[in-house]
């Protein structure tokens, strides 16, 4: 595994669970979440992070998601 030199935050959205409720968008304190142009099989525009490098990993989007479609993975720098 590659050595992590700075904190890396990844936002993983399960596209098939997302129903485009927009709660992640409304509660993102940095206004990074948005609904993508891409749609899932149910015809919903899927949530995505518009600028993942600016994400602080606060988890508000994941906590607010009623479908538990959002997972936040934080990789801390190695000492």
N, C-alpha and C. Protein backbone atom coordinates (compact mmCIF):
# COMPACT_ATOMS: atom_id res chain seq x y z
N UNK A 1 0.84 -1.19 0.00
CA UNK A 1 0.00 0.00 0.00
C UNK A 1 0.88 1.24 0.00
N UNK A 2 0.48 2.25 -0.77
CA UNK A 2 1.25 3.48 -0.88
C UNK A 2 1.21 4.27 0.43
N UNK A 3 2.30 4.93 0.73
CA UNK A 3 2.37 5.74 1.94
C UNK A 3 1.54 7.01 1.76
N UNK A 4 0.67 7.29 2.74
CA UNK A 4 -0.17 8.48 2.71
C UNK A 4 0.60 9.61 3.38
N UNK A 5 0.79 10.72 2.66
CA UNK A 5 1.56 11.83 3.22
C UNK A 5 0.67 12.97 3.71
N UNK A 6 -0.58 13.01 3.27
CA UNK A 6 -1.53 13.98 3.79
C UNK A 6 -2.87 13.28 3.96
N UNK A 7 -3.73 13.86 4.75
CA UNK A 7 -5.04 13.27 5.01
C UNK A 7 -5.85 13.21 3.72
N UNK A 8 -6.37 12.03 3.41
CA UNK A 8 -7.15 11.83 2.21
C UNK A 8 -8.57 11.42 2.61
N UNK A 9 -9.56 12.13 2.06
CA UNK A 9 -10.97 11.83 2.33
C UNK A 9 -11.61 11.36 1.04
N UNK A 10 -12.25 10.19 1.11
CA UNK A 10 -12.98 9.69 -0.06
C UNK A 10 -14.46 9.60 0.29
N UNK A 11 -15.31 10.08 -0.60
CA UNK A 11 -16.75 10.02 -0.44
C UNK A 11 -17.25 8.95 -1.41
N UNK A 12 -17.83 7.91 -0.87
CA UNK A 12 -18.31 6.81 -1.69
C UNK A 12 -19.84 6.81 -1.64
N UNK A 13 -20.47 6.98 -2.79
CA UNK A 13 -21.93 6.99 -2.88
C UNK A 13 -22.38 5.71 -3.58
N UNK A 14 -23.25 4.97 -2.92
CA UNK A 14 -23.85 3.78 -3.53
C UNK A 14 -24.96 4.30 -4.45
N UNK A 15 -24.67 4.35 -5.73
CA UNK A 15 -25.58 4.97 -6.70
C UNK A 15 -26.95 4.32 -6.71
N UNK A 16 -27.01 3.04 -6.50
CA UNK A 16 -28.31 2.36 -6.56
C UNK A 16 -29.17 2.60 -5.32
N UNK A 17 -28.55 2.98 -4.22
CA UNK A 17 -29.32 3.32 -3.01
C UNK A 17 -29.80 4.77 -3.03
N UNK A 18 -29.06 5.65 -3.70
CA UNK A 18 -29.36 7.08 -3.69
C UNK A 18 -30.70 7.35 -4.37
N UNK A 19 -31.54 8.16 -3.71
CA UNK A 19 -32.83 8.53 -4.29
C UNK A 19 -32.94 10.04 -4.51
N UNK A 20 -31.81 10.72 -4.56
CA UNK A 20 -31.75 12.15 -4.87
C UNK A 20 -32.60 13.00 -3.95
N UNK A 21 -32.60 12.67 -2.67
CA UNK A 21 -33.41 13.44 -1.71
C UNK A 21 -32.84 14.84 -1.46
N UNK A 22 -31.55 15.02 -1.77
CA UNK A 22 -30.91 16.34 -1.68
C UNK A 22 -30.47 16.72 -0.26
N UNK A 23 -30.67 15.85 0.73
CA UNK A 23 -30.29 16.19 2.09
C UNK A 23 -28.78 16.36 2.24
N UNK A 24 -28.01 15.52 1.56
CA UNK A 24 -26.55 15.65 1.64
C UNK A 24 -26.10 17.00 1.07
N UNK A 25 -26.76 17.44 0.03
CA UNK A 25 -26.44 18.73 -0.59
C UNK A 25 -26.75 19.87 0.37
N UNK A 26 -27.91 19.81 1.00
CA UNK A 26 -28.35 20.88 1.90
C UNK A 26 -27.51 20.98 3.17
N UNK A 27 -26.98 19.86 3.65
CA UNK A 27 -26.27 19.86 4.92
C UNK A 27 -24.76 19.89 4.81
N UNK A 28 -24.21 19.88 3.61
CA UNK A 28 -22.75 19.96 3.45
C UNK A 28 -22.29 21.37 3.82
N UNK A 29 -21.50 21.52 4.89
CA UNK A 29 -21.09 22.86 5.31
C UNK A 29 -20.19 23.58 4.31
N UNK A 30 -19.53 22.82 3.44
CA UNK A 30 -18.65 23.44 2.44
C UNK A 30 -19.32 23.52 1.07
N UNK A 31 -20.58 23.11 1.00
CA UNK A 31 -21.35 23.12 -0.25
C UNK A 31 -20.65 22.36 -1.37
N UNK A 32 -20.12 21.18 -1.02
CA UNK A 32 -19.40 20.36 -2.00
C UNK A 32 -20.27 19.30 -2.64
N UNK A 33 -21.30 18.87 -1.93
CA UNK A 33 -22.17 17.82 -2.46
C UNK A 33 -23.13 18.41 -3.48
N UNK A 34 -23.44 17.60 -4.48
CA UNK A 34 -24.37 18.02 -5.54
C UNK A 34 -25.01 16.78 -6.14
N UNK A 35 -26.05 17.00 -6.93
CA UNK A 35 -26.66 15.90 -7.66
C UNK A 35 -26.04 15.87 -9.04
N UNK A 36 -25.52 14.72 -9.42
CA UNK A 36 -24.82 14.57 -10.69
C UNK A 36 -25.81 14.51 -11.85
N UNK A 37 -25.30 14.67 -13.04
CA UNK A 37 -26.14 14.51 -14.22
C UNK A 37 -26.46 13.04 -14.45
N UNK A 38 -25.56 12.17 -14.01
CA UNK A 38 -25.76 10.72 -14.17
C UNK A 38 -26.95 10.27 -13.33
N UNK A 39 -27.66 9.28 -13.86
CA UNK A 39 -28.80 8.73 -13.14
C UNK A 39 -28.55 7.26 -12.82
N UNK A 40 -29.20 6.81 -11.75
CA UNK A 40 -29.12 5.39 -11.43
C UNK A 40 -30.24 4.64 -12.17
N UNK A 41 -30.35 3.35 -11.94
CA UNK A 41 -31.35 2.55 -12.67
C UNK A 41 -32.79 2.95 -12.35
N UNK A 42 -33.00 3.60 -11.20
CA UNK A 42 -34.35 4.02 -10.84
C UNK A 42 -34.70 5.41 -11.39
N UNK A 43 -33.75 6.03 -12.07
CA UNK A 43 -33.99 7.33 -12.69
C UNK A 43 -33.71 8.52 -11.80
N UNK A 44 -32.99 8.32 -10.69
CA UNK A 44 -32.63 9.42 -9.80
C UNK A 44 -31.25 9.95 -10.14
N UNK A 45 -31.07 11.26 -10.07
CA UNK A 45 -29.74 11.85 -10.20
C UNK A 45 -28.98 11.53 -8.92
N UNK A 46 -27.83 10.95 -9.06
CA UNK A 46 -27.05 10.45 -7.93
C UNK A 46 -26.23 11.56 -7.30
N UNK A 47 -26.13 11.53 -5.97
CA UNK A 47 -25.31 12.50 -5.25
C UNK A 47 -23.83 12.24 -5.53
N UNK A 48 -23.07 13.32 -5.52
CA UNK A 48 -21.61 13.21 -5.68
C UNK A 48 -20.95 14.41 -5.01
N UNK A 49 -19.67 14.27 -4.73
CA UNK A 49 -18.91 15.39 -4.18
C UNK A 49 -18.25 16.11 -5.35
N UNK A 50 -18.52 17.38 -5.47
CA UNK A 50 -18.00 18.16 -6.58
C UNK A 50 -16.51 18.46 -6.50
N UNK A 51 -15.96 18.48 -5.30
CA UNK A 51 -14.54 18.79 -5.12
C UNK A 51 -14.01 17.98 -3.93
N UNK A 52 -13.75 16.69 -4.13
CA UNK A 52 -13.35 15.83 -3.01
C UNK A 52 -12.10 16.28 -2.26
N UNK A 53 -11.22 16.98 -2.91
CA UNK A 53 -9.99 17.42 -2.24
C UNK A 53 -10.27 18.47 -1.16
N UNK A 54 -11.39 19.16 -1.25
CA UNK A 54 -11.76 20.16 -0.25
C UNK A 54 -12.59 19.58 0.88
N UNK A 55 -13.02 18.33 0.74
CA UNK A 55 -13.87 17.70 1.76
C UNK A 55 -13.08 17.50 3.05
N UNK A 56 -13.68 17.90 4.17
CA UNK A 56 -13.02 17.76 5.48
C UNK A 56 -13.32 16.42 6.14
N UNK A 57 -14.26 15.67 5.58
CA UNK A 57 -14.63 14.39 6.19
C UNK A 57 -15.52 14.55 7.39
N UNK A 58 -16.33 15.60 7.43
CA UNK A 58 -17.19 15.87 8.58
C UNK A 58 -18.28 14.83 8.76
N UNK A 59 -18.63 14.11 7.73
CA UNK A 59 -19.64 13.05 7.68
C UNK A 59 -21.08 13.53 7.74
N UNK A 60 -21.34 14.83 7.67
CA UNK A 60 -22.72 15.33 7.70
C UNK A 60 -23.55 14.69 6.59
N UNK A 61 -22.97 14.57 5.40
CA UNK A 61 -23.71 14.00 4.28
C UNK A 61 -24.12 12.56 4.57
N UNK A 62 -23.20 11.78 5.10
CA UNK A 62 -23.49 10.37 5.40
C UNK A 62 -24.51 10.24 6.52
N UNK A 63 -24.41 11.08 7.53
CA UNK A 63 -25.34 11.03 8.65
C UNK A 63 -26.75 11.42 8.20
N UNK A 64 -26.87 12.38 7.32
CA UNK A 64 -28.18 12.86 6.88
C UNK A 64 -28.84 11.95 5.86
N UNK A 65 -28.10 11.09 5.21
CA UNK A 65 -28.64 10.25 4.15
C UNK A 65 -29.60 9.20 4.72
N UNK A 66 -30.90 9.30 4.39
CA UNK A 66 -31.86 8.33 4.93
C UNK A 66 -31.70 6.92 4.36
N UNK A 67 -31.00 6.81 3.25
CA UNK A 67 -30.80 5.51 2.60
C UNK A 67 -29.46 4.88 2.96
N UNK A 68 -28.67 5.53 3.79
CA UNK A 68 -27.29 5.13 4.12
C UNK A 68 -26.50 4.79 2.86
N UNK A 69 -26.63 5.67 1.88
CA UNK A 69 -25.97 5.47 0.58
C UNK A 69 -24.59 6.10 0.52
N UNK A 70 -24.20 6.85 1.56
CA UNK A 70 -22.92 7.57 1.53
C UNK A 70 -21.99 7.03 2.61
N UNK A 71 -20.76 6.74 2.20
CA UNK A 71 -19.73 6.28 3.12
C UNK A 71 -18.54 7.23 3.01
N UNK A 72 -17.98 7.59 4.15
CA UNK A 72 -16.80 8.46 4.18
C UNK A 72 -15.62 7.62 4.63
N UNK A 73 -14.54 7.63 3.84
CA UNK A 73 -13.32 6.91 4.20
C UNK A 73 -12.22 7.94 4.36
N UNK A 74 -11.60 7.96 5.53
CA UNK A 74 -10.53 8.92 5.82
C UNK A 74 -9.24 8.14 6.01
N UNK A 75 -8.24 8.49 5.24
CA UNK A 75 -6.91 7.89 5.39
C UNK A 75 -6.00 8.94 5.99
N UNK A 76 -5.57 8.67 7.22
CA UNK A 76 -4.70 9.62 7.92
C UNK A 76 -3.26 9.42 7.48
N UNK A 77 -2.44 10.50 7.52
CA UNK A 77 -1.04 10.36 7.14
C UNK A 77 -0.31 9.41 8.09
N UNK A 78 0.65 8.68 7.51
CA UNK A 78 1.46 7.79 8.34
C UNK A 78 2.51 8.60 9.08
N UNK A 79 2.79 8.20 10.27
CA UNK A 79 3.77 8.92 11.10
C UNK A 79 5.18 8.71 10.63
